[in-house]
Protein backbone atom coordinates (compact mmCIF):
# COMPACT_ATOMS: atom_id res chain seq x y z
CA MET A 1 14.73 -8.75 24.90
CA PHE A 2 11.71 -6.63 25.53
CA GLU A 3 8.14 -7.70 25.20
CA ALA A 4 6.42 -5.68 22.49
CA GLU A 5 3.84 -4.33 24.91
CA ASP A 6 6.60 -3.01 27.20
CA ILE A 7 8.69 -1.32 24.57
CA ARG A 8 5.51 0.36 23.24
CA GLN A 9 5.11 2.06 26.56
CA TRP A 10 8.28 4.05 25.82
CA ARG A 11 6.65 5.83 22.89
CA GLY A 12 7.30 9.57 23.16
CA HIS A 13 10.51 9.06 25.25
CA ASN A 14 13.93 10.08 24.02
CA VAL A 15 16.12 7.64 22.21
CA VAL A 16 19.91 7.99 22.66
CA ASP A 17 22.88 6.31 21.05
CA HIS A 18 25.42 4.00 22.70
CA GLU A 19 27.24 7.03 23.98
CA GLY A 20 24.19 8.79 25.41
CA HIS A 21 23.69 11.40 22.62
CA LYS A 22 20.04 12.07 21.92
CA ILE A 23 18.90 10.86 18.40
CA GLY A 24 15.22 11.48 18.52
CA VAL A 25 11.93 10.45 20.07
CA LEU A 26 10.44 6.92 19.84
CA GLU A 27 7.43 6.90 17.57
CA ALA A 28 6.61 3.24 16.86
CA VAL A 29 7.83 -0.39 17.16
CA TYR A 30 8.07 -2.87 14.35
CA VAL A 31 8.06 -6.53 15.14
CA ASP A 32 9.71 -9.46 13.28
CA THR A 33 6.66 -11.24 11.70
CA THR A 34 8.36 -14.63 12.20
CA THR A 35 8.93 -14.25 15.92
CA ASP A 36 6.48 -11.38 16.87
CA GLN A 37 9.39 -9.91 18.77
CA PRO A 38 10.38 -6.22 18.60
CA ALA A 39 12.90 -5.80 15.85
CA PHE A 40 13.01 -2.04 14.79
CA ALA A 41 11.77 1.22 16.02
CA THR A 42 11.01 4.45 14.22
CA LEU A 43 12.32 7.64 15.76
CA THR A 44 11.08 11.20 15.04
CA VAL A 45 14.04 13.26 13.92
CA GLY A 46 14.68 16.54 12.09
CA LEU A 47 13.59 20.18 12.46
CA PRO A 48 9.98 20.96 13.43
CA THR A 49 9.10 21.85 9.83
CA ARG A 50 10.97 18.83 8.37
CA ARG A 51 10.27 15.91 10.66
CA ARG A 52 10.79 12.38 9.39
CA LEU A 53 10.87 8.91 10.85
CA VAL A 54 14.10 6.87 10.66
CA PHE A 55 14.44 3.16 11.48
CA VAL A 56 16.81 1.71 14.09
CA PRO A 57 17.28 -1.98 15.13
CA LEU A 58 16.26 -2.79 18.72
CA GLY A 59 18.82 -5.64 19.20
CA GLY A 60 21.02 -4.64 22.11
CA ALA A 61 18.82 -1.75 23.15
CA MET A 62 18.51 -1.01 26.85
CA VAL A 63 16.00 1.08 28.85
CA GLY A 64 17.14 3.86 31.17
CA PRO A 65 15.17 5.95 33.63
CA ASP A 66 13.59 8.17 30.91
CA TYR A 67 15.17 7.05 27.62
CA LEU A 68 15.84 4.10 25.29
CA LYS A 69 19.47 3.46 24.50
CA VAL A 70 20.20 1.81 21.13
CA ALA A 71 23.42 0.04 20.08
CA TYR A 72 24.06 2.33 17.11
CA ASP A 73 25.59 5.71 16.84
CA LYS A 74 23.72 8.92 16.10
CA LYS A 75 25.13 9.58 12.72
CA GLN A 76 24.32 6.11 11.43
CA VAL A 77 20.79 6.27 12.69
CA LYS A 78 20.13 9.73 11.28
CA GLU A 79 21.38 8.57 7.84
CA ALA A 80 19.10 5.43 7.97
CA PRO A 81 16.23 4.91 5.52
CA SER A 82 13.26 7.05 6.59
CA ILE A 83 9.59 7.74 5.81
CA GLY A 84 7.32 10.72 6.28
CA THR A 85 5.76 11.22 9.67
CA ASP A 86 2.39 9.92 8.25
CA GLY A 87 3.97 7.39 5.87
CA GLU A 88 4.47 3.65 6.14
CA LEU A 89 7.28 1.31 5.31
CA LEU A 90 6.66 -0.35 1.95
CA ALA A 91 7.41 -4.10 1.66
CA GLU A 92 9.84 -3.48 -1.11
CA ASP A 93 11.81 -1.02 1.16
CA GLU A 94 12.29 -3.38 3.96
CA LYS A 95 15.57 -4.86 2.57
CA THR A 96 17.07 -1.37 2.47
CA VAL A 97 16.53 -0.79 6.15
CA PHE A 98 18.22 -4.10 7.05
CA ALA A 99 21.07 -3.42 4.55
CA HIS A 100 21.80 -0.02 6.14
CA TYR A 101 22.65 -1.74 9.43
CA ALA A 102 24.39 -4.71 7.67
CA LEU A 103 21.66 -7.10 8.93
CA ALA A 104 20.62 -10.20 7.10
CA TYR A 105 17.30 -9.94 5.45
CA ARG A 106 14.88 -12.61 4.08
CA THR A 107 11.09 -12.69 3.59
CA GLY A 108 8.91 -15.46 4.97
CA THR A 109 8.56 -18.64 3.12
CA GLY A 110 5.55 -17.34 1.18
CA GLY A 111 7.36 -13.96 0.43
CA GLU A 112 5.49 -12.21 3.24
CA ARG A 113 6.83 -9.04 4.96
CA ARG A 114 9.50 -9.29 7.58
CA LEU A 115 8.33 -6.24 9.60
CA ALA A 116 4.91 -5.28 11.00
CA ARG A 117 4.13 -2.09 12.90
CA ARG A 118 2.63 -2.71 16.40
């Protein structure tokens, strides 16, 4: 797995799907608050006048010479829950992001958030 500091260095690089098709550009990394390990990334997608940020899990991701390859296909990622380019993921929306990728979701023991932007 990547160290959070290392994956953040890829900000602004292309993100491709498991077949090498470009999905978008890496914007930010979200870590799992229980482990402090990179868990999700946001990608900038869309037309220049209608940009948005979509979420994609980093499990199984690999780095290439000038791109980050994720383990999900382009269509699934582009249909993922999104936020505006200046927005933030609300705590109540985290479960939807996990559900889109059929990943288990649970809050911390005190009900705290699962994801934090780094």
